[in-house]
Amino acid sequence: MQAYDLASIGGPAAMLAPQIEVYTEKEARFLPPRVHVENNTYVIYSPNTKAVSEQSLPALLHVEDCVSLCQRVLGLKIQEIAKLLDISRASLDLHRKGKVKNMEPYFKLASFVNYIEESFSGDISKAMRSVLIERKTLVQHLLANKDSLEKTVPYFEKASDKLDSITLKKVKIDANLAATRLAGIGQVG
């Protein structure tokens, strides 16, 4: 960045060559700090603190991380995540933009989803809406037990067992048979 002396535009100072000042910043001091709230105390992590690998998960967790974890592992929709956190969809959107006061519910939800991901092999998100356990889907069980998510672990175990018992057979379909079955589709009259 170059800066010129405004006095050099006119007058006797104009006879002198303008001085060029260069400003450089060698440290990354202006990166946004991460604030972690734990037990009503604030910890600010700056770039000069521990390396990323040395920090614990809650220190690095953001609302967006929690939301994407719930979507990836459980296949939940944004509205369902908001209901699990007992907030409105608009509040969740504000929290995702960084305007969150209390991160505790997000830490609890993220740790529960991490536990589910580590405990159950396979893609448990396939069972969230398709497998019925005691006449409810896993999403309905989660929403019914949003205050104590640990109560839903037996339902996840049953759903995982059902998923493991399903085997898919790949069958080669005869082209003539498929053509006869699909022949009348789309015709009017």
C-alpha atoms as a PDB file:
ATOM      1  CA  MET A   1       0.000   0.000   0.000  1.00  0.00           C
ATOM      2  CA  GLN A   2       1.410   3.384  -0.925  1.00  0.00           C
ATOM      3  CA  ALA A   3       0.678   6.678   0.834  1.00  0.00           C
ATOM      4  CA  TYR A   4       1.703  10.093  -0.399  1.00  0.00           C
ATOM      5  CA  ASP A   5       2.171  13.284   1.564  1.00  0.00           C
ATOM      6  CA  LEU A   6      -0.684  15.651   0.633  1.00  0.00           C
ATOM      7  CA  ALA A   7       1.579  18.662   1.214  1.00  0.00           C
ATOM      8  CA  SER A   8       3.628  17.561  -1.780  1.00  0.00           C
ATOM      9  CA  ILE A   9       0.815  18.558  -4.148  1.00  0.00           C
ATOM     10  CA  GLY A  10       1.593  22.237  -3.992  1.00  0.00           C
ATOM     11  CA  GLY A  11       4.063  24.715  -2.453  1.00  0.00           C
ATOM     12  CA  PRO A  12       7.786  24.330  -1.774  1.00  0.00           C
ATOM     13  CA  ALA A  13       7.384  20.733  -0.670  1.00  0.00           C
ATOM     14  CA  ALA A  14       6.367  19.879  -4.238  1.00  0.00           C
ATOM     15  CA  MET A  15       9.987  20.204  -5.290  1.00  0.00           C
ATOM     16  CA  LEU A  16      10.926  17.170  -3.228  1.00  0.00           C
ATOM     17  CA  ALA A  17      10.228  13.637  -4.338  1.00  0.00           C
ATOM     18  CA  PRO A  18       7.273  12.160  -2.463  1.00  0.00           C
ATOM     19  CA  GLN A  19       8.092   9.720   0.274  1.00  0.00           C
ATOM     20  CA  ILE A  20       6.602   6.289  -0.187  1.00  0.00           C
ATOM     21  CA  GLU A  21       5.549   4.412   2.913  1.00  0.00           C
ATOM     22  CA  VAL A  22       4.813   0.734   2.706  1.00  0.00           C
ATOM     23  CA  TYR A  23       2.728  -0.976   5.372  1.00  0.00           C
ATOM     24  CA  THR A  24       3.054  -4.718   5.742  1.00  0.00           C
ATOM     25  CA  GLU A  25       1.707  -7.043   8.349  1.00  0.00           C
ATOM     26  CA  LYS A  26       3.807 -10.089   9.185  1.00  0.00           C
ATOM     27  CA  GLU A  27       1.436 -11.585  11.745  1.00  0.00           C
ATOM     28  CA  ALA A  28      -2.108 -12.788  11.203  1.00  0.00           C
ATOM     29  CA  ARG A  29      -3.446 -10.699  14.071  1.00  0.00           C
ATOM     30  CA  PHE A  30      -6.639  -9.746  12.316  1.00  0.00           C
ATOM     31  CA  LEU A  31      -8.127 -13.200  11.924  1.00  0.00           C
ATOM     32  CA  PRO A  32     -11.398 -13.501  13.847  1.00  0.00           C
ATOM     33  CA  PRO A  33     -10.876 -15.161  17.226  1.00  0.00           C
ATOM     34  CA  ARG A  34     -12.939 -18.135  18.261  1.00  0.00           C
ATOM     35  CA  VAL A  35     -14.769 -17.785  21.541  1.00  0.00           C
ATOM     36  CA  HIS A  36     -15.685 -20.839  23.577  1.00  0.00           C
ATOM     37  CA  VAL A  37     -18.126 -20.586  26.470  1.00  0.00           C
ATOM     38  CA  GLU A  38     -17.779 -23.210  29.162  1.00  0.00           C
ATOM     39  CA  ASN A  39     -19.122 -23.007  32.718  1.00  0.00           C
ATOM     40  CA  ASN A  40     -19.885 -19.285  32.285  1.00  0.00           C
ATOM     41  CA  THR A  41     -16.243 -18.517  31.443  1.00  0.00           C
ATOM     42  CA  TYR A  42     -14.977 -17.326  28.095  1.00  0.00           C
ATOM     43  CA  VAL A  43     -11.897 -18.681  26.395  1.00  0.00           C
ATOM     44  CA  ILE A  44     -10.641 -16.847  23.330  1.00  0.00           C
ATOM     45  CA  TYR A  45      -8.495 -18.869  20.959  1.00  0.00           C
ATOM     46  CA  SER A  46      -6.189 -16.733  18.881  1.00  0.00           C
ATOM     47  CA  PRO A  47      -3.879 -17.955  16.109  1.00  0.00           C
ATOM     48  CA  ASN A  48      -1.010 -17.994  18.634  1.00  0.00           C
ATOM     49  CA  THR A  49      -2.650 -20.569  20.934  1.00  0.00           C
ATOM     50  CA  LYS A  50      -2.481 -24.349  20.547  1.00  0.00           C
ATOM     51  CA  ALA A  51      -2.461 -25.992  17.166  1.00  0.00           C
ATOM     52  CA  VAL A  52      -5.769 -27.188  15.782  1.00  0.00           C
ATOM     53  CA  SER A  53      -4.948 -30.835  16.435  1.00  0.00           C
ATOM     54  CA  GLU A  54      -4.269 -30.106  20.119  1.00  0.00           C
ATOM     55  CA  GLN A  55      -7.568 -28.344  20.772  1.00  0.00           C
ATOM     56  CA  SER A  56     -10.618 -30.260  21.896  1.00  0.00           C
ATOM     57  CA  LEU A  57     -13.721 -30.631  19.735  1.00  0.00           C
ATOM     58  CA  PRO A  58     -15.965 -28.218  21.671  1.00  0.00           C
ATOM     59  CA  ALA A  59     -13.429 -25.418  21.242  1.00  0.00           C
ATOM     60  CA  LEU A  60     -13.631 -25.793  17.483  1.00  0.00           C
ATOM     61  CA  LEU A  61     -17.348 -26.486  17.154  1.00  0.00           C
ATOM     62  CA  HIS A  62     -19.531 -23.883  15.507  1.00  0.00           C
ATOM     63  CA  VAL A  63     -23.271 -23.925  14.903  1.00  0.00           C
ATOM     64  CA  GLU A  64     -22.720 -24.666  11.218  1.00  0.00           C
ATOM     65  CA  ASP A  65     -20.547 -27.668  12.176  1.00  0.00           C
ATOM     66  CA  CYS A  66     -23.316 -29.053  14.362  1.00  0.00           C
ATOM     67  CA  VAL A  67     -25.964 -28.538  11.669  1.00  0.00           C
ATOM     68  CA  SER A  68     -23.873 -30.190   8.955  1.00  0.00           C
ATOM     69  CA  LEU A  69     -23.061 -33.103  11.290  1.00  0.00           C
ATOM     70  CA  CYS A  70     -26.772 -33.675  11.957  1.00  0.00           C
ATOM     71  CA  GLN A  71     -27.536 -33.505   8.248  1.00  0.00           C
ATOM     72  CA  ARG A  72     -24.700 -35.821   7.233  1.00  0.00           C
ATOM     73  CA  VAL A  73     -25.052 -38.490   9.929  1.00  0.00           C
ATOM     74  CA  LEU A  74     -28.777 -38.471  10.666  1.00  0.00           C
ATOM     75  CA  GLY A  75     -30.148 -36.932   7.488  1.00  0.00           C
ATOM     76  CA  LEU A  76     -32.139 -34.377   9.463  1.00  0.00           C
ATOM     77  CA  LYS A  77     -33.728 -31.335   7.882  1.00  0.00           C
ATOM     78  CA  ILE A  78     -33.057 -27.819   9.170  1.00  0.00           C
ATOM     79  CA  GLN A  79     -36.550 -27.568  10.667  1.00  0.00           C
ATOM     80  CA  GLU A  80     -36.032 -30.853  12.557  1.00  0.00           C
ATOM     81  CA  ILE A  81     -32.684 -29.683  13.924  1.00  0.00           C
ATOM     82  CA  ALA A  82     -34.349 -26.479  15.148  1.00  0.00           C
ATOM     83  CA  LYS A  83     -37.061 -28.531  16.882  1.00  0.00           C
ATOM     84  CA  LEU A  84     -34.407 -30.725  18.531  1.00  0.00           C
ATOM     85  CA  LEU A  85     -32.719 -27.610  19.879  1.00  0.00           C
ATOM     86  CA  ASP A  86     -36.117 -26.212  20.958  1.00  0.00           C
ATOM     87  CA  ILE A  87     -35.675 -23.025  18.928  1.00  0.00           C
ATOM     88  CA  SER A  88     -37.363 -21.616  15.849  1.00  0.00           C
ATOM     89  CA  ARG A  89     -36.041 -22.015  12.330  1.00  0.00           C
ATOM     90  CA  ALA A  90     -35.349 -18.255  12.179  1.00  0.00           C
ATOM     91  CA  SER A  91     -33.308 -18.436  15.385  1.00  0.00           C
ATOM     92  CA  LEU A  92     -31.290 -21.312  13.984  1.00  0.00           C
ATOM     93  CA  ASP A  93     -30.587 -19.273  10.866  1.00  0.00           C
ATOM     94  CA  LEU A  94     -29.378 -16.379  13.026  1.00  0.00           C
ATOM     95  CA  HIS A  95     -27.208 -18.742  15.048  1.00  0.00           C
ATOM     96  CA  ARG A  96     -25.700 -20.116  11.846  1.00  0.00           C
ATOM     97  CA  LYS A  97     -24.710 -16.555  10.933  1.00  0.00           C
ATOM     98  CA  GLY A  98     -22.812 -16.252  14.221  1.00  0.00           C
ATOM     99  CA  LYS A  99     -25.328 -14.584  16.525  1.00  0.00           C
ATOM    100  CA  VAL A 100     -25.519 -17.254  19.188  1.00  0.00           C
ATOM    101  CA  LYS A 101     -25.461 -16.628  22.933  1.00  0.00           C
ATOM    102  CA  ASN A 102     -25.449 -20.160  24.333  1.00  0.00           C
ATOM    103  CA  MET A 103     -23.519 -22.940  22.610  1.00  0.00           C
ATOM    104  CA  GLU A 104     -24.379 -25.593  25.221  1.00  0.00           C
ATOM    105  CA  PRO A 105     -27.351 -27.145  23.310  1.00  0.00           C
ATOM    106  CA  TYR A 106     -25.213 -27.387  20.176  1.00  0.00           C
ATOM    107  CA  PHE A 107     -22.416 -29.144  22.095  1.00  0.00           C
ATOM    108  CA  LYS A 108     -24.883 -31.661  23.530  1.00  0.00           C
ATOM    109  CA  LEU A 109     -26.469 -32.363  20.156  1.00  0.00           C
ATOM    110  CA  ALA A 110     -23.109 -32.667  18.382  1.00  0.00           C
ATOM    111  CA  SER A 111     -21.717 -35.041  21.022  1.00  0.00           C
ATOM    112  CA  PHE A 112     -24.853 -37.217  20.774  1.00  0.00           C
ATOM    113  CA  VAL A 113     -24.633 -37.344  16.975  1.00  0.00           C
ATOM    114  CA  ASN A 114     -20.903 -38.160  17.211  1.00  0.00           C
ATOM    115  CA  TYR A 115     -21.753 -41.023  19.572  1.00  0.00           C
ATOM    116  CA  ILE A 116     -24.370 -42.346  17.129  1.00  0.00           C
ATOM    117  CA  GLU A 117     -21.916 -42.127  14.237  1.00  0.00           C
ATOM    118  CA  GLU A 118     -19.191 -43.986  16.136  1.00  0.00           C
ATOM    119  CA  SER A 119     -21.511 -46.617  17.641  1.00  0.00           C
ATOM    120  CA  PHE A 120     -23.466 -47.738  14.608  1.00  0.00           C
ATOM    121  CA  SER A 121     -21.822 -48.872  11.440  1.00  0.00           C
ATOM    122  CA  GLY A 122     -23.468 -48.212   8.141  1.00  0.00           C
ATOM    123  CA  ASP A 123     -25.567 -45.323   7.021  1.00  0.00           C
ATOM    124  CA  ILE A 124     -28.040 -44.792   9.860  1.00  0.00           C
ATOM    125  CA  SER A 125     -29.593 -41.845   8.004  1.00  0.00           C
ATOM    126  CA  LYS A 126     -31.349 -44.348   5.715  1.00  0.00           C
ATOM    127  CA  ALA A 127     -33.321 -45.630   8.702  1.00  0.00           C
ATOM    128  CA  MET A 128     -34.346 -42.251  10.098  1.00  0.00           C
ATOM    129  CA  ARG A 129     -37.633 -42.070   8.190  1.00  0.00           C
ATOM    130  CA  SER A 130     -38.081 -45.534   6.730  1.00  0.00           C
ATOM    131  CA  VAL A 131     -37.825 -47.876   9.730  1.00  0.00           C
ATOM    132  CA  LEU A 132     -40.706 -47.960  12.200  1.00  0.00           C
ATOM    133  CA  ILE A 133     -39.977 -48.856  15.803  1.00  0.00           C
ATOM    134  CA  GLU A 134     -42.956 -48.945  18.141  1.00  0.00           C
ATOM    135  CA  ARG A 135     -45.042 -47.259  15.419  1.00  0.00           C
ATOM    136  CA  LYS A 136     -42.710 -44.253  15.150  1.00  0.00           C
ATOM    137  CA  THR A 137     -39.761 -43.333  12.979  1.00  0.00           C
ATOM    138  CA  LEU A 138     -36.400 -42.468  14.496  1.00  0.00           C
ATOM    139  CA  VAL A 139     -37.009 -38.792  13.744  1.00  0.00           C
ATOM    140  CA  GLN A 140     -40.257 -38.922  15.734  1.00  0.00           C
ATOM    141  CA  HIS A 141     -38.466 -40.659  18.623  1.00  0.00           C
ATOM    142  CA  LEU A 142     -35.750 -37.989  18.603  1.00  0.00           C
ATOM    143  CA  LEU A 143     -38.268 -35.148  18.643  1.00  0.00           C
ATOM    144  CA  ALA A 144     -40.294 -36.814  21.404  1.00  0.00           C
ATOM    145  CA  ASN A 145     -37.167 -37.236  23.555  1.00  0.00           C
ATOM    146  CA  LYS A 146     -35.373 -33.991  22.671  1.00  0.00           C
ATOM    147  CA  ASP A 147     -34.713 -33.203  26.347  1.00  0.00           C
ATOM    148  CA  SER A 148     -32.899 -36.495  26.932  1.00  0.00           C
ATOM    149  CA  LEU A 149     -31.546 -37.829  23.660  1.00  0.00           C
ATOM    150  CA  GLU A 150     -29.858 -40.758  25.422  1.00  0.00           C
ATOM    151  CA  LYS A 151     -33.268 -42.446  25.709  1.00  0.00           C
ATOM    152  CA  THR A 152     -33.311 -42.892  21.919  1.00  0.00           C
ATOM    153  CA  VAL A 153     -30.169 -45.043  21.769  1.00  0.00           C
ATOM    154  CA  PRO A 154     -32.145 -48.342  22.070  1.00  0.00           C
ATOM    155  CA  TYR A 155     -34.260 -47.234  19.097  1.00  0.00           C
ATOM    156  CA  PHE A 156     -31.106 -46.614  17.076  1.00  0.00           C
ATOM    157  CA  GLU A 157     -29.893 -50.109  18.036  1.00  0.00           C
ATOM    158  CA  LYS A 158     -33.137 -51.682  16.804  1.00  0.00           C
ATOM    159  CA  ALA A 159     -33.034 -49.666  13.576  1.00  0.00           C
ATOM    160  CA  SER A 160     -29.411 -50.636  13.005  1.00  0.00           C
ATOM    161  CA  ASP A 161     -30.270 -54.307  13.495  1.00  0.00           C
ATOM    162  CA  LYS A 162     -33.105 -53.982  10.979  1.00  0.00           C
ATOM    163  CA  LEU A 163     -30.777 -52.292   8.477  1.00  0.00           C
ATOM    164  CA  ASP A 164     -28.163 -55.000   8.923  1.00  0.00           C
ATOM    165  CA  SER A 165     -30.730 -57.742   8.285  1.00  0.00           C
ATOM    166  CA  ILE A 166     -31.768 -56.252   4.945  1.00  0.00           C
ATOM    167  CA  THR A 167     -30.001 -57.704   1.934  1.00  0.00           C
ATOM    168  CA  LEU A 168     -30.380 -56.357  -1.542  1.00  0.00           C
ATOM    169  CA  LYS A 169     -30.431 -58.728  -4.477  1.00  0.00           C
ATOM    170  CA  LYS A 170     -29.387 -57.407  -7.824  1.00  0.00           C
ATOM    171  CA  VAL A 171     -31.554 -58.949 -10.469  1.00  0.00           C
ATOM    172  CA  LYS A 172     -30.895 -58.658 -14.146  1.00  0.00           C
ATOM    173  CA  ILE A 173     -34.052 -57.415 -15.834  1.00  0.00           C
ATOM    174  CA  ASP A 174     -34.946 -58.732 -19.249  1.00  0.00           C
ATOM    175  CA  ALA A 175     -35.373 -55.868 -21.735  1.00  0.00           C
ATOM    176  CA  ASN A 176     -38.479 -57.420 -23.336  1.00  0.00           C
ATOM    177  CA  LEU A 177     -40.160 -57.911 -19.951  1.00  0.00           C
ATOM    178  CA  ALA A 178     -39.404 -54.312 -18.939  1.00  0.00           C
ATOM    179  CA  ALA A 179     -40.758 -53.015 -22.246  1.00  0.00           C
ATOM    180  CA  THR A 180     -44.078 -54.874 -21.784  1.00  0.00           C
ATOM    181  CA  ARG A 181     -44.458 -53.582 -18.224  1.00  0.00           C
ATOM    182  CA  LEU A 182     -43.725 -49.994 -19.195  1.00  0.00           C
ATOM    183  CA  ALA A 183     -45.663 -49.994 -22.460  1.00  0.00           C
ATOM    184  CA  GLY A 184     -48.865 -48.380 -21.208  1.00  0.00           C
ATOM    185  CA  ILE A 185     -47.318 -45.724 -18.971  1.00  0.00           C
ATOM    186  CA  GLY A 186     -47.981 -42.184 -20.088  1.00  0.00           C
ATOM    187  CA  GLN A 187     -50.718 -42.964 -22.599  1.00  0.00           C
ATOM    188  CA  VAL A 188     -53.997 -41.126 -22.273  1.00  0.00           C
ATOM    189  CA  GLY A 189     -57.267 -42.800 -23.131  1.00  0.00           C
END
